[in-house]
Amino acid sequence: AQTWGTAYKLPEDKREQIIEYLEVREKQYDVREVLPLFTELSQGEAVAPAVEDALVYIATEESANYLGVATIDDLAMYDNHL
């Protein structure tokens, strides 16, 4: 599966504080996963991950935060308004 979104690198000295904040802010999402993050494709296939252990909060269709199927442009517009 291919998913588009926004990724942030956390400063090591503030990582714990930021994660604590995110755990409260993102609690309305249905799934919390640690996944590899790929930034490059070669002939439509992912190459080596840029990050091995990206923390991801996921909204499913049952969530009030689920945006549904969206184009990359739609997601970019949404991210720009956060």
N, C-alpha and C. Protein backbone atom coordinates (compact mmCIF):
# COMPACT_ATOMS: atom_id res chain seq x y z
N ALA A 1 0.85 -1.18 0.00
CA ALA A 1 0.00 0.00 0.00
C ALA A 1 0.89 1.23 0.00
N GLN A 2 0.38 2.27 -0.57
CA GLN A 2 1.12 3.52 -0.65
C GLN A 2 0.30 4.60 0.05
N THR A 3 0.93 5.31 0.96
CA THR A 3 0.26 6.37 1.70
C THR A 3 1.13 7.61 1.66
N TRP A 4 0.49 8.75 1.55
CA TRP A 4 1.21 10.02 1.53
C TRP A 4 0.88 10.78 2.79
N GLY A 5 1.83 11.54 3.28
CA GLY A 5 1.58 12.34 4.47
C GLY A 5 2.76 13.23 4.75
N THR A 6 2.84 13.69 5.96
CA THR A 6 3.90 14.59 6.39
C THR A 6 4.71 13.90 7.47
N ALA A 7 6.02 14.03 7.40
CA ALA A 7 6.90 13.44 8.41
C ALA A 7 7.75 14.55 9.02
N TYR A 8 8.03 14.41 10.30
CA TYR A 8 8.85 15.38 11.02
C TYR A 8 9.96 14.65 11.76
N LYS A 9 11.17 15.18 11.68
CA LYS A 9 12.28 14.66 12.47
C LYS A 9 12.32 15.42 13.78
N LEU A 10 12.29 14.69 14.88
CA LEU A 10 12.26 15.33 16.20
C LEU A 10 13.67 15.55 16.73
N PRO A 11 13.92 16.71 17.34
CA PRO A 11 15.23 16.92 17.95
C PRO A 11 15.40 15.95 19.12
N GLU A 12 16.54 15.32 19.18
CA GLU A 12 16.77 14.29 20.19
C GLU A 12 16.55 14.79 21.60
N ASP A 13 16.94 16.03 21.90
CA ASP A 13 16.83 16.55 23.26
C ASP A 13 15.39 16.88 23.65
N LYS A 14 14.46 16.91 22.69
CA LYS A 14 13.05 17.20 23.00
C LYS A 14 12.12 16.05 22.60
N ARG A 15 12.71 14.95 22.17
CA ARG A 15 11.91 13.84 21.65
C ARG A 15 10.88 13.32 22.66
N GLU A 16 11.31 13.03 23.86
CA GLU A 16 10.40 12.49 24.88
C GLU A 16 9.24 13.45 25.16
N GLN A 17 9.53 14.72 25.30
CA GLN A 17 8.50 15.73 25.57
C GLN A 17 7.51 15.81 24.40
N ILE A 18 8.01 15.77 23.18
CA ILE A 18 7.14 15.86 22.00
C ILE A 18 6.26 14.61 21.88
N ILE A 19 6.83 13.44 22.12
CA ILE A 19 6.05 12.19 22.06
C ILE A 19 4.94 12.21 23.10
N GLU A 20 5.24 12.67 24.31
CA GLU A 20 4.20 12.77 25.35
C GLU A 20 3.06 13.67 24.89
N TYR A 21 3.39 14.78 24.28
CA TYR A 21 2.39 15.71 23.76
C TYR A 21 1.57 15.05 22.65
N LEU A 22 2.26 14.36 21.73
CA LEU A 22 1.55 13.71 20.61
C LEU A 22 0.62 12.60 21.10
N GLU A 23 1.02 11.89 22.13
CA GLU A 23 0.18 10.81 22.65
C GLU A 23 -1.18 11.34 23.11
N VAL A 24 -1.21 12.56 23.60
CA VAL A 24 -2.48 13.18 24.01
C VAL A 24 -3.19 13.76 22.78
N ARG A 25 -2.47 14.53 21.98
CA ARG A 25 -3.08 15.20 20.83
C ARG A 25 -3.63 14.21 19.80
N GLU A 26 -2.94 13.11 19.59
CA GLU A 26 -3.31 12.17 18.54
C GLU A 26 -4.15 10.99 19.04
N LYS A 27 -4.65 11.06 20.27
CA LYS A 27 -5.37 9.91 20.84
C LYS A 27 -6.66 9.58 20.12
N GLN A 28 -7.19 10.49 19.32
CA GLN A 28 -8.43 10.22 18.60
C GLN A 28 -8.20 9.33 17.37
N TYR A 29 -6.95 9.09 17.01
CA TYR A 29 -6.68 8.19 15.88
C TYR A 29 -6.80 6.75 16.33
N ASP A 30 -7.16 5.89 15.40
CA ASP A 30 -7.48 4.50 15.72
C ASP A 30 -6.26 3.60 15.89
N VAL A 31 -5.19 3.91 15.18
CA VAL A 31 -4.03 3.02 15.16
C VAL A 31 -2.75 3.82 15.37
N ARG A 32 -1.87 3.28 16.20
CA ARG A 32 -0.54 3.86 16.41
C ARG A 32 0.45 2.78 16.02
N GLU A 33 1.30 3.06 15.05
CA GLU A 33 2.26 2.07 14.55
C GLU A 33 3.64 2.68 14.45
N VAL A 34 4.65 1.84 14.49
CA VAL A 34 6.02 2.24 14.18
C VAL A 34 6.36 1.49 12.90
N LEU A 35 6.61 2.25 11.83
CA LEU A 35 6.78 1.68 10.50
C LEU A 35 8.00 2.27 9.80
N PRO A 36 8.52 1.56 8.80
CA PRO A 36 9.58 2.17 7.98
C PRO A 36 8.99 3.27 7.11
N LEU A 37 9.77 4.31 6.87
CA LEU A 37 9.34 5.44 6.05
C LEU A 37 10.19 5.47 4.78
N PHE A 38 9.54 5.34 3.65
CA PHE A 38 10.23 5.35 2.36
C PHE A 38 10.00 6.69 1.68
N THR A 39 11.04 7.22 1.09
CA THR A 39 10.92 8.51 0.41
C THR A 39 11.26 8.39 -1.07
N GLU A 40 11.74 7.24 -1.50
CA GLU A 40 12.11 7.06 -2.90
C GLU A 40 11.45 5.83 -3.48
N LEU A 41 11.07 5.95 -4.74
CA LEU A 41 10.55 4.82 -5.49
C LEU A 41 11.44 4.59 -6.70
N SER A 42 11.59 3.35 -7.07
CA SER A 42 12.31 3.00 -8.29
C SER A 42 11.39 2.08 -9.08
N GLN A 43 10.95 2.53 -10.22
CA GLN A 43 10.01 1.78 -11.07
C GLN A 43 8.78 1.36 -10.28
N GLY A 44 8.29 2.30 -9.45
CA GLY A 44 7.07 2.06 -8.70
C GLY A 44 7.25 1.24 -7.43
N GLU A 45 8.46 0.81 -7.12
CA GLU A 45 8.73 0.02 -5.93
C GLU A 45 9.58 0.82 -4.95
N ALA A 46 9.31 0.65 -3.66
CA ALA A 46 10.07 1.36 -2.63
C ALA A 46 11.50 0.84 -2.56
N VAL A 47 12.43 1.76 -2.39
CA VAL A 47 13.83 1.38 -2.16
C VAL A 47 14.07 1.39 -0.66
N ALA A 48 15.31 1.37 -0.23
CA ALA A 48 15.63 1.31 1.20
C ALA A 48 14.92 2.43 1.97
N PRO A 49 14.41 2.13 3.17
CA PRO A 49 13.72 3.16 3.94
C PRO A 49 14.66 4.29 4.36
N ALA A 50 14.13 5.51 4.35
CA ALA A 50 14.87 6.67 4.84
C ALA A 50 14.93 6.65 6.36
N VAL A 51 13.87 6.12 6.98
CA VAL A 51 13.78 5.99 8.44
C VAL A 51 13.21 4.60 8.72
N GLU A 52 13.84 3.88 9.63
CA GLU A 52 13.39 2.51 9.94
C GLU A 52 12.19 2.50 10.89
N ASP A 53 12.10 3.48 11.78
CA ASP A 53 11.11 3.41 12.85
C ASP A 53 10.34 4.73 13.02
N ALA A 54 9.55 5.06 12.03
CA ALA A 54 8.74 6.28 12.08
C ALA A 54 7.45 5.99 12.87
N LEU A 55 7.13 6.86 13.81
CA LEU A 55 5.89 6.75 14.57
C LEU A 55 4.76 7.32 13.73
N VAL A 56 3.71 6.53 13.54
CA VAL A 56 2.61 6.91 12.66
C VAL A 56 1.28 6.77 13.40
N TYR A 57 0.45 7.78 13.31
CA TYR A 57 -0.92 7.73 13.84
C TYR A 57 -1.84 7.64 12.63
N ILE A 58 -2.75 6.65 12.65
CA ILE A 58 -3.56 6.35 11.48
C ILE A 58 -5.05 6.44 11.83
N ALA A 59 -5.79 7.14 10.99
CA ALA A 59 -7.25 7.20 11.13
C ALA A 59 -7.86 6.19 10.16
N THR A 60 -8.75 5.35 10.66
CA THR A 60 -9.48 4.42 9.80
C THR A 60 -10.82 5.06 9.43
N GLU A 61 -11.58 4.39 8.60
CA GLU A 61 -12.86 4.92 8.16
C GLU A 61 -13.82 5.20 9.31
N GLU A 62 -13.63 4.53 10.44
CA GLU A 62 -14.50 4.73 11.60
C GLU A 62 -14.16 6.00 12.37
N SER A 63 -13.03 6.60 12.09
CA SER A 63 -12.56 7.77 12.82
C SER A 63 -13.15 9.06 12.27
N ALA A 64 -13.44 10.01 13.16
CA ALA A 64 -13.91 11.33 12.73
C ALA A 64 -12.83 12.07 11.96
N ASN A 65 -11.58 11.67 12.13
CA ASN A 65 -10.46 12.33 11.45
C ASN A 65 -10.12 11.73 10.10
N TYR A 66 -10.83 10.70 9.69
CA TYR A 66 -10.54 10.06 8.42
C TYR A 66 -10.89 11.00 7.27
N LEU A 67 -9.92 11.28 6.42
CA LEU A 67 -10.13 12.20 5.31
C LEU A 67 -10.65 11.50 4.06
N GLY A 68 -10.60 10.18 4.06
CA GLY A 68 -11.02 9.45 2.87
C GLY A 68 -9.90 9.40 1.86
N VAL A 69 -10.22 8.87 0.70
CA VAL A 69 -9.24 8.79 -0.37
C VAL A 69 -9.01 10.20 -0.89
N ALA A 70 -7.75 10.59 -1.01
CA ALA A 70 -7.42 11.94 -1.45
C ALA A 70 -6.20 11.92 -2.35
N THR A 71 -6.11 12.88 -3.21
CA THR A 71 -4.93 13.02 -4.06
C THR A 71 -3.80 13.64 -3.26
N ILE A 72 -2.60 13.58 -3.79
CA ILE A 72 -1.45 14.21 -3.14
C ILE A 72 -1.69 15.71 -3.00
N ASP A 73 -2.28 16.33 -4.02
CA ASP A 73 -2.55 17.78 -3.96
C ASP A 73 -3.55 18.10 -2.85
N ASP A 74 -4.59 17.27 -2.69
CA ASP A 74 -5.57 17.49 -1.62
C ASP A 74 -4.91 17.39 -0.25
N LEU A 75 -4.05 16.38 -0.08
CA LEU A 75 -3.36 16.22 1.19
C LEU A 75 -2.43 17.39 1.47
N ALA A 76 -1.76 17.87 0.43
CA ALA A 76 -0.86 19.02 0.61
C ALA A 76 -1.65 20.24 1.05
N MET A 77 -2.81 20.46 0.47
CA MET A 77 -3.64 21.60 0.88
C MET A 77 -4.08 21.44 2.33
N TYR A 78 -4.45 20.22 2.75
CA TYR A 78 -4.85 19.98 4.12
C TYR A 78 -3.68 20.25 5.07
N ASP A 79 -2.48 19.71 4.75
CA ASP A 79 -1.32 19.90 5.61
C ASP A 79 -0.96 21.37 5.72
N ASN A 80 -1.14 22.13 4.67
CA ASN A 80 -0.80 23.56 4.72
C ASN A 80 -1.73 24.36 5.61
N HIS A 81 -2.89 23.80 5.94
CA HIS A 81 -3.86 24.51 6.79
C HIS A 81 -3.80 24.08 8.24
N LEU A 82 -2.90 23.17 8.58
CA LEU A 82 -2.79 22.73 9.97
C LEU A 82 -2.13 23.76 10.83
